[in-house]
């Protein structure tokens, strides 16, 4: 339906059990997320039930699921124990989207994570990340989140690769946890259409259709 689903997650622990949990949760998220009639919170609940039915024991995970409509800028998101997305306005300070996360996956609590809403204007971006980027031993998580927002605001509306280059050094060294980031920016419709037109590749007539790649 034209919407874009973005997700990041973090599984506690390491080794084979954690790797198996990651694989199972990823497949469940893809399966349930493709059914566009469900909200992000409902998808996360089904992923949690799937993990329990699959027999992934004693593994706790956090997950953030965001659904963005590039045409309208409307954002829907839900969190299972994961930090909220960071909004990167085209003009103005970076701020965390407001909303309380639900319980992490695998803690045997009933209920559906709350559904939260936001709006991205043209030029605004959204950053999803794991706590390995901001968490430091002996420091409150909120302190790291404020530091991330300040660093993003200082970087400004730069190209996304440049922004990530500015933010990734924030992670403590040596790395104490895995670091994952996912960033997207909403561009104007005419920019998307121009990017798609410019990247159309002409192929022989025997091929089924032209190939396209474009910006979101």
N, C-alpha and C. Protein backbone atom coordinates (compact mmCIF):
# COMPACT_ATOMS: atom_id res chain seq x y z
N UNK A 1 0.82 -1.22 0.00
CA UNK A 1 0.00 0.00 0.00
C UNK A 1 0.85 1.27 0.00
N UNK A 2 2.14 1.13 -0.25
CA UNK A 2 3.01 2.29 -0.34
C UNK A 2 3.67 2.70 0.95
N UNK A 3 3.24 2.13 2.07
CA UNK A 3 3.86 2.48 3.35
C UNK A 3 5.16 1.71 3.54
N UNK A 4 6.00 2.24 4.43
CA UNK A 4 7.32 1.66 4.68
C UNK A 4 7.39 1.24 6.14
N UNK A 5 7.78 -0.01 6.39
CA UNK A 5 7.94 -0.52 7.75
C UNK A 5 9.43 -0.54 8.10
N UNK A 6 9.75 0.00 9.27
CA UNK A 6 11.11 0.05 9.76
C UNK A 6 11.13 -0.62 11.14
N UNK A 7 12.14 -1.43 11.39
CA UNK A 7 12.20 -2.12 12.67
C UNK A 7 13.65 -2.32 13.09
N UNK A 8 13.87 -2.20 14.39
CA UNK A 8 15.14 -2.58 14.99
C UNK A 8 14.83 -3.34 16.27
N UNK A 9 15.73 -4.23 16.64
CA UNK A 9 15.54 -5.01 17.85
C UNK A 9 16.86 -5.34 18.50
N UNK A 10 16.77 -5.82 19.71
CA UNK A 10 17.97 -6.14 20.48
C UNK A 10 17.66 -7.33 21.36
N UNK A 11 18.43 -8.39 21.21
CA UNK A 11 18.24 -9.59 22.01
C UNK A 11 19.27 -9.65 23.11
N UNK A 12 18.82 -9.92 24.32
CA UNK A 12 19.75 -10.02 25.45
C UNK A 12 20.59 -11.28 25.32
N UNK A 13 21.85 -11.17 25.68
CA UNK A 13 22.73 -12.33 25.66
C UNK A 13 23.46 -12.50 24.35
N UNK A 14 24.29 -13.52 24.32
CA UNK A 14 25.08 -13.82 23.13
C UNK A 14 25.09 -15.33 22.92
N UNK A 15 25.72 -15.75 21.83
CA UNK A 15 25.84 -17.18 21.58
C UNK A 15 24.72 -17.73 20.74
N UNK A 16 24.62 -19.06 20.71
CA UNK A 16 23.69 -19.76 19.83
C UNK A 16 22.24 -19.44 20.17
N UNK A 17 21.89 -19.41 21.45
CA UNK A 17 20.51 -19.14 21.84
C UNK A 17 20.06 -17.76 21.36
N UNK A 18 20.93 -16.76 21.52
CA UNK A 18 20.57 -15.42 21.07
C UNK A 18 20.45 -15.37 19.55
N UNK A 19 21.35 -16.05 18.85
CA UNK A 19 21.28 -16.08 17.38
C UNK A 19 20.00 -16.74 16.90
N UNK A 20 19.59 -17.83 17.54
CA UNK A 20 18.35 -18.48 17.17
C UNK A 20 17.15 -17.58 17.42
N UNK A 21 17.19 -16.85 18.53
CA UNK A 21 16.10 -15.94 18.84
C UNK A 21 16.00 -14.83 17.80
N UNK A 22 17.14 -14.29 17.38
CA UNK A 22 17.14 -13.24 16.36
C UNK A 22 16.51 -13.75 15.07
N UNK A 23 16.90 -14.95 14.64
CA UNK A 23 16.34 -15.51 13.42
C UNK A 23 14.85 -15.71 13.50
N UNK A 24 14.39 -16.28 14.61
CA UNK A 24 12.96 -16.53 14.76
C UNK A 24 12.15 -15.25 14.81
N UNK A 25 12.63 -14.26 15.55
CA UNK A 25 11.90 -12.99 15.65
C UNK A 25 11.88 -12.26 14.31
N UNK A 26 12.98 -12.32 13.58
CA UNK A 26 13.03 -11.65 12.27
C UNK A 26 12.00 -12.24 11.32
N UNK A 27 11.93 -13.57 11.26
CA UNK A 27 10.98 -14.21 10.34
C UNK A 27 9.54 -13.90 10.76
N UNK A 28 9.27 -13.92 12.06
CA UNK A 28 7.92 -13.63 12.53
C UNK A 28 7.53 -12.19 12.20
N UNK A 29 8.46 -11.26 12.39
CA UNK A 29 8.18 -9.86 12.09
C UNK A 29 7.86 -9.66 10.62
N UNK A 30 8.61 -10.29 9.76
CA UNK A 30 8.33 -10.18 8.32
C UNK A 30 6.96 -10.74 7.98
N UNK A 31 6.64 -11.90 8.53
CA UNK A 31 5.38 -12.56 8.21
C UNK A 31 4.19 -11.73 8.66
N UNK A 32 4.20 -11.30 9.91
CA UNK A 32 3.06 -10.55 10.43
C UNK A 32 3.04 -9.11 9.93
N UNK A 33 4.22 -8.55 9.69
CA UNK A 33 4.28 -7.17 9.23
C UNK A 33 3.76 -6.98 7.83
N UNK A 34 3.79 -8.03 7.01
CA UNK A 34 3.28 -7.92 5.64
C UNK A 34 1.77 -7.85 5.59
N UNK A 35 1.11 -8.20 6.68
CA UNK A 35 -0.34 -8.10 6.75
C UNK A 35 -0.68 -6.69 7.20
N UNK A 36 -0.88 -5.81 6.24
CA UNK A 36 -0.97 -4.37 6.52
C UNK A 36 -2.15 -3.93 7.35
N UNK A 37 -3.08 -4.82 7.65
CA UNK A 37 -4.26 -4.42 8.42
C UNK A 37 -3.97 -4.30 9.91
N UNK A 38 -2.83 -4.78 10.36
CA UNK A 38 -2.51 -4.78 11.78
C UNK A 38 -1.66 -3.56 12.15
N UNK A 39 -1.89 -3.06 13.36
CA UNK A 39 -1.10 -1.94 13.86
C UNK A 39 0.27 -2.45 14.30
N UNK A 40 1.26 -1.55 14.44
CA UNK A 40 2.57 -1.99 14.93
C UNK A 40 2.50 -2.70 16.27
N UNK A 41 1.62 -2.24 17.18
CA UNK A 41 1.50 -2.90 18.47
C UNK A 41 0.96 -4.31 18.35
N UNK A 42 -0.01 -4.50 17.47
CA UNK A 42 -0.57 -5.83 17.25
C UNK A 42 0.46 -6.76 16.63
N UNK A 43 1.29 -6.23 15.73
CA UNK A 43 2.34 -7.04 15.12
C UNK A 43 3.34 -7.50 16.18
N UNK A 44 3.74 -6.58 17.06
CA UNK A 44 4.70 -6.94 18.10
C UNK A 44 4.11 -7.99 19.05
N UNK A 45 2.82 -7.90 19.33
CA UNK A 45 2.18 -8.91 20.19
C UNK A 45 2.20 -10.27 19.53
N UNK A 46 1.93 -10.32 18.24
CA UNK A 46 1.96 -11.60 17.52
C UNK A 46 3.38 -12.16 17.46
N UNK A 47 4.35 -11.29 17.29
CA UNK A 47 5.75 -11.74 17.30
C UNK A 47 6.09 -12.35 18.65
N UNK A 48 5.63 -11.73 19.72
CA UNK A 48 5.87 -12.26 21.06
C UNK A 48 5.23 -13.63 21.23
N UNK A 49 3.98 -13.77 20.79
CA UNK A 49 3.29 -15.06 20.89
C UNK A 49 3.99 -16.13 20.04
N UNK A 50 4.46 -15.71 18.88
CA UNK A 50 5.17 -16.65 18.01
C UNK A 50 6.43 -17.18 18.69
N UNK A 51 7.16 -16.27 19.33
CA UNK A 51 8.39 -16.69 20.00
C UNK A 51 8.10 -17.68 21.11
N UNK A 52 7.00 -17.44 21.86
CA UNK A 52 6.64 -18.35 22.93
C UNK A 52 6.21 -19.71 22.37
N UNK A 53 5.43 -19.70 21.28
CA UNK A 53 4.97 -20.95 20.68
C UNK A 53 6.12 -21.73 20.05
N UNK A 54 7.12 -20.98 19.57
CA UNK A 54 8.27 -21.63 18.94
C UNK A 54 9.19 -22.25 19.97
N UNK A 55 9.01 -21.84 21.20
CA UNK A 55 9.84 -22.41 22.26
C UNK A 55 11.19 -21.75 22.37
N UNK A 56 11.19 -20.42 22.27
CA UNK A 56 12.43 -19.67 22.48
C UNK A 56 12.46 -19.28 23.95
N UNK A 57 13.02 -20.11 24.80
CA UNK A 57 12.91 -19.86 26.24
C UNK A 57 13.99 -18.92 26.76
N UNK A 58 13.65 -18.26 27.84
CA UNK A 58 14.63 -17.50 28.62
C UNK A 58 15.42 -16.49 27.78
N UNK A 59 14.80 -15.99 26.73
CA UNK A 59 15.46 -14.97 25.93
C UNK A 59 14.57 -13.73 25.91
N UNK A 60 15.09 -12.63 26.41
CA UNK A 60 14.34 -11.38 26.39
C UNK A 60 14.86 -10.51 25.26
N UNK A 61 13.94 -9.85 24.59
CA UNK A 61 14.32 -9.00 23.47
C UNK A 61 13.49 -7.73 23.49
N UNK A 62 14.04 -6.67 22.95
CA UNK A 62 13.29 -5.44 22.73
C UNK A 62 13.12 -5.27 21.22
N UNK A 63 12.07 -4.56 20.84
CA UNK A 63 11.83 -4.34 19.42
C UNK A 63 11.03 -3.07 19.24
N UNK A 64 11.39 -2.33 18.21
CA UNK A 64 10.69 -1.10 17.83
C UNK A 64 10.22 -1.25 16.39
N UNK A 65 8.94 -1.00 16.16
CA UNK A 65 8.37 -1.11 14.82
C UNK A 65 7.72 0.21 14.46
N UNK A 66 8.14 0.78 13.34
CA UNK A 66 7.64 2.06 12.85
C UNK A 66 7.07 1.86 11.45
N UNK A 67 5.90 2.40 11.20
CA UNK A 67 5.30 2.37 9.86
C UNK A 67 5.15 3.81 9.38
N UNK A 68 5.77 4.11 8.27
CA UNK A 68 5.80 5.47 7.71
C UNK A 68 5.10 5.48 6.36
N UNK A 69 4.22 6.45 6.18
CA UNK A 69 3.60 6.68 4.87
C UNK A 69 4.35 7.84 4.21
N UNK A 70 5.19 7.56 3.22
CA UNK A 70 5.99 8.64 2.61
C UNK A 70 5.14 9.71 1.94
N UNK A 71 3.93 9.36 1.53
CA UNK A 71 3.09 10.33 0.82
C UNK A 71 2.55 11.39 1.77
N UNK A 72 2.14 10.98 2.96
CA UNK A 72 1.52 11.91 3.90
C UNK A 72 2.46 12.30 5.05
N UNK A 73 3.50 11.51 5.29
CA UNK A 73 4.38 11.74 6.42
C UNK A 73 3.86 11.17 7.73
N UNK A 74 2.71 10.51 7.68
CA UNK A 74 2.15 9.97 8.92
C UNK A 74 3.00 8.81 9.43
N UNK A 75 3.25 8.81 10.73
CA UNK A 75 4.06 7.78 11.37
C UNK A 75 3.23 7.08 12.44
N UNK A 76 3.25 5.76 12.44
CA UNK A 76 2.67 4.96 13.51
C UNK A 76 3.78 4.08 14.07
N UNK A 77 3.87 3.98 15.40
CA UNK A 77 4.94 3.18 15.96
C UNK A 77 4.53 2.58 17.30
N UNK A 78 5.19 1.50 17.63
CA UNK A 78 5.00 0.84 18.92
C UNK A 78 6.34 0.24 19.33
N UNK A 79 6.51 0.13 20.64
CA UNK A 79 7.78 -0.36 21.17
C UNK A 79 7.54 -1.44 22.20
N UNK A 80 8.32 -2.50 22.10
CA UNK A 80 8.34 -3.53 23.13
C UNK A 80 9.66 -3.37 23.89
N UNK A 81 9.66 -2.43 24.83
CA UNK A 81 10.84 -2.22 25.67
C UNK A 81 12.01 -1.54 25.00
N UNK A 82 11.80 -0.96 23.81
CA UNK A 82 12.90 -0.38 23.05
C UNK A 82 12.84 1.14 23.10
N UNK A 83 14.01 1.83 23.03
CA UNK A 83 13.99 3.29 22.98
C UNK A 83 13.18 3.80 21.80
N UNK A 84 12.48 4.93 21.96
CA UNK A 84 11.66 5.47 20.87
C UNK A 84 12.52 6.02 19.74
N UNK A 85 11.91 6.27 18.58
CA UNK A 85 12.67 6.86 17.47
C UNK A 85 13.05 8.30 17.78
N UNK A 86 14.12 8.73 17.15
CA UNK A 86 14.56 10.12 17.26
C UNK A 86 14.14 10.85 15.99
N UNK A 87 13.32 11.90 16.17
CA UNK A 87 12.88 12.70 15.03
C UNK A 87 13.95 13.74 14.70
N UNK A 88 14.27 13.85 13.42
CA UNK A 88 15.31 14.76 12.94
C UNK A 88 14.66 15.81 12.05
N UNK A 89 14.16 16.89 12.62
CA UNK A 89 13.47 17.91 11.82
C UNK A 89 14.41 18.58 10.83
N UNK A 90 13.84 19.02 9.71
CA UNK A 90 14.64 19.74 8.73
C UNK A 90 15.15 21.05 9.31
N UNK A 91 14.36 21.65 10.20
CA UNK A 91 14.79 22.87 10.89
C UNK A 91 14.29 22.80 12.32
N UNK A 92 15.20 22.72 13.24
CA UNK A 92 14.83 22.62 14.64
C UNK A 92 15.59 21.50 15.33
N UNK A 93 15.48 21.41 16.66
CA UNK A 93 16.23 20.42 17.42
C UNK A 93 15.69 19.01 17.24
N UNK A 94 16.57 18.04 17.33
CA UNK A 94 16.16 16.64 17.29
C UNK A 94 15.48 16.28 18.61
N UNK A 95 14.39 15.53 18.54
CA UNK A 95 13.64 15.14 19.73
C UNK A 95 13.18 13.69 19.61
N UNK A 96 13.12 13.02 20.73
CA UNK A 96 12.56 11.68 20.77
C UNK A 96 11.04 11.77 20.63
N UNK A 97 10.47 10.87 19.83
CA UNK A 97 9.02 10.83 19.72
C UNK A 97 8.43 10.45 21.08
N UNK A 98 7.33 11.09 21.44
CA UNK A 98 6.73 10.86 22.74
C UNK A 98 5.90 9.59 22.73
N UNK A 99 6.06 8.78 23.75
CA UNK A 99 5.27 7.56 23.87
C UNK A 99 5.97 6.57 24.79
N UNK A 100 5.18 5.89 25.60
CA UNK A 100 5.74 4.91 26.53
C UNK A 100 5.89 3.56 25.84
N UNK A 101 7.04 2.90 26.01
CA UNK A 101 7.19 1.56 25.44
C UNK A 101 6.41 0.54 26.25
N UNK A 102 6.01 -0.53 25.57
CA UNK A 102 5.41 -1.65 26.27
C UNK A 102 6.50 -2.53 26.84
N UNK A 103 6.11 -3.64 27.47
CA UNK A 103 7.12 -4.54 28.04
C UNK A 103 7.94 -5.21 26.95
N UNK A 104 9.17 -5.60 27.24
CA UNK A 104 9.98 -6.33 26.25
C UNK A 104 9.32 -7.65 25.84
N UNK A 105 9.75 -8.17 24.72
CA UNK A 105 9.29 -9.48 24.29
C UNK A 105 9.86 -10.54 25.23
N UNK A 106 9.03 -11.52 25.55
CA UNK A 106 9.52 -12.64 26.34
C UNK A 106 9.40 -12.49 27.82
N UNK A 107 8.61 -11.51 28.30
CA UNK A 107 8.47 -11.33 29.75
C UNK A 107 7.12 -11.81 30.26
N UNK A 108 6.33 -12.44 29.39
CA UNK A 108 5.05 -13.06 29.79
C UNK A 108 4.06 -12.07 30.36
N UNK A 109 4.00 -10.88 29.80
CA UNK A 109 2.99 -9.91 30.20
C UNK A 109 1.96 -9.79 29.09
N UNK A 110 0.67 -9.77 29.49
CA UNK A 110 -0.40 -9.65 28.52
C UNK A 110 -0.59 -8.21 28.09
N UNK A 111 -1.28 -8.04 26.99
CA UNK A 111 -1.57 -6.70 26.51
C UNK A 111 -0.81 -6.37 25.25
N UNK A 112 -1.31 -5.38 24.53
CA UNK A 112 -0.72 -4.94 23.27
C UNK A 112 0.04 -3.64 23.51
N UNK A 113 1.29 -3.54 23.05
CA UNK A 113 2.01 -2.27 23.19
C UNK A 113 1.21 -1.11 22.61
N UNK A 114 1.25 0.02 23.29
CA UNK A 114 0.46 1.18 22.87
C UNK A 114 0.89 1.66 21.48
N UNK A 115 -0.10 2.12 20.73
CA UNK A 115 0.15 2.68 19.41
C UNK A 115 0.35 4.18 19.53
N UNK A 116 1.46 4.68 18.96
CA UNK A 116 1.76 6.10 19.01
C UNK A 116 1.79 6.66 17.59
N UNK A 117 1.56 7.96 17.50
CA UNK A 117 1.48 8.61 16.18
C UNK A 117 2.45 9.79 16.12
N UNK A 118 2.89 10.08 14.92
CA UNK A 118 3.74 11.23 14.67
C UNK A 118 3.56 11.69 13.24
N UNK A 119 4.25 12.75 12.89
CA UNK A 119 4.16 13.29 11.54
C UNK A 119 5.53 13.79 11.11
N UNK A 120 5.99 13.33 9.95
CA UNK A 120 7.23 13.82 9.36
C UNK A 120 6.89 14.79 8.24
N UNK A 121 7.38 15.99 8.36
CA UNK A 121 7.25 16.93 7.26
C UNK A 121 8.30 16.61 6.20
N UNK A 122 8.15 17.18 5.03
CA UNK A 122 9.15 16.97 3.99
C UNK A 122 10.49 17.52 4.48
N UNK A 123 11.51 16.70 4.37
CA UNK A 123 12.84 17.06 4.85
C UNK A 123 13.16 16.53 6.23
N UNK A 124 12.13 16.10 6.98
CA UNK A 124 12.36 15.53 8.31
C UNK A 124 12.89 14.11 8.19
N UNK A 125 13.63 13.69 9.20
CA UNK A 125 14.16 12.33 9.23
C UNK A 125 13.76 11.61 10.51
N UNK A 126 14.06 10.33 10.53
CA UNK A 126 13.75 9.50 11.69
C UNK A 126 14.90 8.53 11.89
N UNK A 127 15.40 8.45 13.12
CA UNK A 127 16.52 7.57 13.45
C UNK A 127 16.06 6.50 14.43
N UNK A 128 16.26 5.24 14.06
CA UNK A 128 16.03 4.11 14.94
C UNK A 128 17.39 3.56 15.33
N UNK A 129 17.53 3.10 16.57
CA UNK A 129 18.85 2.69 17.04
C UNK A 129 18.70 1.71 18.19
N UNK A 130 19.77 0.98 18.47
CA UNK A 130 19.81 0.13 19.65
C UNK A 130 20.53 0.87 20.78
N UNK A 131 20.31 0.41 22.01
CA UNK A 131 20.85 1.15 23.14
C UNK A 131 22.37 1.08 23.23
N UNK A 132 23.00 0.20 22.44
CA UNK A 132 24.45 0.17 22.41
C UNK A 132 25.06 1.48 21.93
N UNK A 133 24.26 2.29 21.21
CA UNK A 133 24.76 3.58 20.73
C UNK A 133 24.83 4.61 21.84
N UNK A 134 23.96 4.49 22.84
CA UNK A 134 23.82 5.57 23.82
C UNK A 134 24.12 5.13 25.26
N UNK A 135 24.09 3.84 25.52
CA UNK A 135 24.20 3.35 26.89
C UNK A 135 25.66 3.25 27.32
N UNK A 136 25.92 3.77 28.51
CA UNK A 136 27.26 3.68 29.09
C UNK A 136 27.15 3.15 30.51
N UNK A 137 28.10 2.34 30.88
CA UNK A 137 28.08 1.72 32.20
C UNK A 137 28.09 2.79 33.30
N UNK A 138 27.18 2.62 34.27
CA UNK A 138 27.10 3.55 35.38
C UNK A 138 26.38 4.84 35.08
N UNK A 139 25.72 4.92 33.91
CA UNK A 139 25.04 6.15 33.51
C UNK A 139 23.60 5.83 33.16
N UNK A 140 22.68 6.71 33.52
CA UNK A 140 21.27 6.51 33.20
C UNK A 140 21.06 6.57 31.69
N UNK A 141 20.13 5.75 31.20
CA UNK A 141 19.87 5.72 29.76
C UNK A 141 19.40 7.07 29.26
N UNK A 142 18.61 7.79 30.06
CA UNK A 142 18.11 9.10 29.63
C UNK A 142 19.25 10.06 29.32
N UNK A 143 20.35 9.94 30.04
CA UNK A 143 21.50 10.80 29.78
C UNK A 143 22.06 10.54 28.38
N UNK A 144 22.17 9.28 28.03
CA UNK A 144 22.64 8.94 26.69
C UNK A 144 21.68 9.37 25.60
N UNK A 145 20.39 9.29 25.86
CA UNK A 145 19.40 9.72 24.87
C UNK A 145 19.48 11.22 24.64
N UNK A 146 19.67 11.98 25.72
CA UNK A 146 19.82 13.44 25.55
C UNK A 146 21.09 13.76 24.79
N UNK A 147 22.16 13.01 25.03
CA UNK A 147 23.42 13.24 24.33
C UNK A 147 23.24 12.95 22.83
N UNK A 148 22.49 11.90 22.50
CA UNK A 148 22.23 11.57 21.10
C UNK A 148 21.44 12.68 20.42
N UNK A 149 20.40 13.18 21.08
CA UNK A 149 19.59 14.24 20.49
C UNK A 149 20.43 15.50 20.26
N UNK A 150 21.31 15.81 21.20
CA UNK A 150 22.16 17.00 21.06
C UNK A 150 23.15 16.83 19.90
N UNK A 151 23.71 15.64 19.75
CA UNK A 151 24.66 15.39 18.67
C UNK A 151 23.97 15.46 17.31
N UNK A 152 22.75 14.94 17.22
CA UNK A 152 22.00 15.00 15.97
C UNK A 152 21.64 16.44 15.62
N UNK A 153 21.26 17.22 16.62
CA UNK A 153 20.94 18.62 16.37
C UNK A 153 22.17 19.40 15.92
N UNK A 154 23.32 19.08 16.51
CA UNK A 154 24.56 19.77 16.13
C UNK A 154 24.98 19.43 14.71
N UNK A 155 24.68 18.19 14.27
CA UNK A 155 25.05 17.79 12.91
C UNK A 155 24.21 18.51 11.87
N UNK A 156 22.95 18.81 12.19
CA UNK A 156 22.08 19.53 11.27
C UNK A 156 21.56 18.66 10.15
N UNK A 157 20.97 19.30 9.14
CA UNK A 157 20.34 18.59 8.02
C UNK A 157 21.38 18.22 6.96
N UNK A 158 22.29 17.35 7.33
CA UNK A 158 23.33 16.89 6.42
C UNK A 158 22.88 15.61 5.73
N UNK A 159 23.55 15.18 4.67
CA UNK A 159 23.21 13.88 4.08
C UNK A 159 23.27 12.76 5.12
N UNK A 160 22.42 11.77 4.95
CA UNK A 160 22.28 10.73 5.98
C UNK A 160 23.60 10.01 6.27
N UNK A 161 24.41 9.65 5.29
CA UNK A 161 25.69 9.01 5.63
C UNK A 161 26.58 9.90 6.50
N UNK A 162 26.54 11.20 6.25
CA UNK A 162 27.34 12.14 7.05
C UNK A 162 26.79 12.19 8.47
N UNK A 163 25.48 12.16 8.59
CA UNK A 163 24.86 12.16 9.92
C UNK A 163 25.30 10.94 10.71
N UNK A 164 25.26 9.77 10.10
CA UNK A 164 25.66 8.55 10.81
C UNK A 164 27.13 8.61 11.20
N UNK A 165 27.95 9.18 10.32
CA UNK A 165 29.37 9.33 10.66
C UNK A 165 29.56 10.21 11.89
N UNK A 166 28.64 11.16 12.09
CA UNK A 166 28.73 12.04 13.24
C UNK A 166 28.21 11.38 14.51
N UNK A 167 27.26 10.45 14.37
CA UNK A 167 26.61 9.86 15.54
C UNK A 167 27.28 8.58 16.03
N UNK A 168 27.79 7.77 15.13
CA UNK A 168 28.34 6.47 15.53
C UNK A 168 29.51 6.57 16.50
N UNK A 169 30.37 7.60 16.40
CA UNK A 169 31.45 7.69 17.40
C UNK A 169 30.97 7.91 18.82
N UNK A 170 29.66 8.17 19.01
CA UNK A 170 29.14 8.33 20.36
C UNK A 170 29.20 7.04 21.16
N UNK A 171 29.16 5.89 20.48
CA UNK A 171 29.17 4.61 21.18
C UNK A 171 30.45 4.48 22.00
N UNK A 172 30.34 3.95 23.21
CA UNK A 172 31.53 3.83 24.07
C UNK A 172 32.58 2.92 23.44
N UNK A 173 33.82 3.22 23.69
CA UNK A 173 34.94 2.40 23.21
C UNK A 173 35.73 1.90 24.40
N UNK A 174 36.07 0.61 24.42
CA UNK A 174 35.69 -0.39 23.43
C UNK A 174 34.19 -0.68 23.51
N UNK A 175 33.63 -1.18 22.40
CA UNK A 175 32.21 -1.44 22.36
C UNK A 175 31.80 -2.46 23.41
N UNK A 176 30.78 -2.11 24.19
CA UNK A 176 30.26 -3.01 25.20
C UNK A 176 29.01 -3.74 24.74
N UNK A 177 28.43 -3.29 23.63
CA UNK A 177 27.20 -3.88 23.13
C UNK A 177 27.14 -3.64 21.62
N UNK A 178 26.31 -4.43 20.95
CA UNK A 178 26.13 -4.23 19.51
C UNK A 178 25.48 -2.87 19.26
N UNK A 179 25.85 -2.26 18.15
CA UNK A 179 25.29 -0.96 17.77
C UNK A 179 24.63 -1.10 16.40
N UNK A 180 23.35 -0.75 16.35
CA UNK A 180 22.60 -0.77 15.10
C UNK A 180 21.89 0.56 14.94
N UNK A 181 21.95 1.13 13.75
CA UNK A 181 21.22 2.36 13.45
C UNK A 181 20.48 2.19 12.13
N UNK A 182 19.33 2.84 12.04
CA UNK A 182 18.54 2.84 10.82
C UNK A 182 17.94 4.23 10.69
N UNK A 183 18.23 4.92 9.60
CA UNK A 183 17.78 6.29 9.45
C UNK A 183 17.10 6.47 8.11
N UNK A 184 16.03 7.26 8.10
CA UNK A 184 15.28 7.52 6.88
C UNK A 184 14.88 8.99 6.88
N UNK A 185 14.79 9.57 5.70
CA UNK A 185 14.37 10.97 5.57
C UNK A 185 13.26 11.06 4.54
N UNK A 186 12.23 11.81 4.88
CA UNK A 186 11.12 12.00 3.94
C UNK A 186 11.45 13.14 2.99
N UNK A 187 11.46 12.83 1.70
CA UNK A 187 11.76 13.85 0.70
C UNK A 187 10.49 14.20 -0.05
N UNK A 188 10.52 15.32 -0.74
CA UNK A 188 9.35 15.78 -1.48
C UNK A 188 9.00 14.79 -2.59
N UNK A 189 7.74 14.76 -2.93
CA UNK A 189 7.26 13.82 -3.95
C UNK A 189 7.99 14.01 -5.26
N UNK A 190 8.19 15.25 -5.65
CA UNK A 190 8.85 15.49 -6.94
C UNK A 190 10.29 14.99 -6.92
N UNK A 191 10.93 15.04 -5.73
CA UNK A 191 12.30 14.53 -5.62
C UNK A 191 12.31 13.01 -5.78
N UNK A 192 11.33 12.32 -5.16
CA UNK A 192 11.25 10.87 -5.30
C UNK A 192 11.01 10.48 -6.75
N UNK A 193 10.09 11.20 -7.40
CA UNK A 193 9.78 10.88 -8.79
C UNK A 193 10.98 11.13 -9.70
N UNK A 194 11.71 12.21 -9.43
CA UNK A 194 12.90 12.51 -10.24
C UNK A 194 13.98 11.45 -10.02
N UNK A 195 14.13 11.00 -8.76
CA UNK A 195 15.13 9.96 -8.47
C UNK A 195 14.77 8.66 -9.16
N UNK A 196 13.49 8.31 -9.15
CA UNK A 196 13.07 7.08 -9.82
C UNK A 196 13.27 7.17 -11.32
N UNK A 197 12.95 8.33 -11.90
CA UNK A 197 13.11 8.49 -13.34
C UNK A 197 14.58 8.46 -13.73
N UNK A 198 15.42 9.08 -12.91
CA UNK A 198 16.85 9.14 -13.22
C UNK A 198 17.51 7.78 -13.09
N UNK A 199 16.95 6.90 -12.23
CA UNK A 199 17.61 5.62 -11.99
C UNK A 199 16.97 4.48 -12.76
N UNK A 200 16.04 4.79 -13.68
CA UNK A 200 15.45 3.74 -14.50
C UNK A 200 16.51 3.19 -15.45
N UNK A 201 16.62 1.88 -15.50
CA UNK A 201 17.61 1.22 -16.34
C UNK A 201 16.90 0.58 -17.52
N UNK A 202 17.32 0.90 -18.73
CA UNK A 202 16.73 0.28 -19.91
C UNK A 202 17.30 -1.11 -20.08
N UNK A 203 16.41 -2.10 -20.28
CA UNK A 203 16.82 -3.49 -20.43
C UNK A 203 16.27 -4.02 -21.75
N UNK A 204 16.82 -5.12 -22.25
CA UNK A 204 16.33 -5.67 -23.51
C UNK A 204 14.85 -5.98 -23.47
N UNK A 205 14.21 -5.98 -24.65
CA UNK A 205 12.78 -6.20 -24.74
C UNK A 205 12.36 -7.55 -24.20
N UNK A 206 13.25 -8.52 -24.18
CA UNK A 206 12.90 -9.84 -23.69
C UNK A 206 12.67 -9.86 -22.19
N UNK A 207 13.18 -8.87 -21.49
CA UNK A 207 13.00 -8.82 -20.03
C UNK A 207 11.57 -8.42 -19.70
N UNK A 208 11.15 -8.76 -18.50
CA UNK A 208 9.75 -8.55 -18.13
C UNK A 208 9.41 -7.08 -17.96
N UNK A 209 10.30 -6.31 -17.32
CA UNK A 209 9.98 -4.92 -17.03
C UNK A 209 11.27 -4.18 -16.71
N UNK A 210 11.22 -2.81 -16.83
CA UNK A 210 12.40 -2.03 -16.41
C UNK A 210 12.66 -2.19 -14.92
N UNK A 211 13.89 -1.96 -14.55
CA UNK A 211 14.27 -2.02 -13.14
C UNK A 211 14.32 -0.61 -12.60
N UNK A 212 13.86 -0.46 -11.34
CA UNK A 212 13.84 0.86 -10.73
C UNK A 212 14.48 0.79 -9.35
N UNK A 213 15.11 1.88 -8.96
CA UNK A 213 15.50 2.07 -7.57
C UNK A 213 15.25 3.53 -7.26
N UNK A 214 14.88 3.80 -6.03
CA UNK A 214 14.53 5.19 -5.74
C UNK A 214 14.73 5.53 -4.27
N UNK A 215 14.44 6.78 -3.96
CA UNK A 215 14.59 7.26 -2.58
C UNK A 215 13.24 7.26 -1.90
N UNK A 216 13.28 7.13 -0.58
CA UNK A 216 12.05 7.20 0.21
C UNK A 216 11.93 8.60 0.79
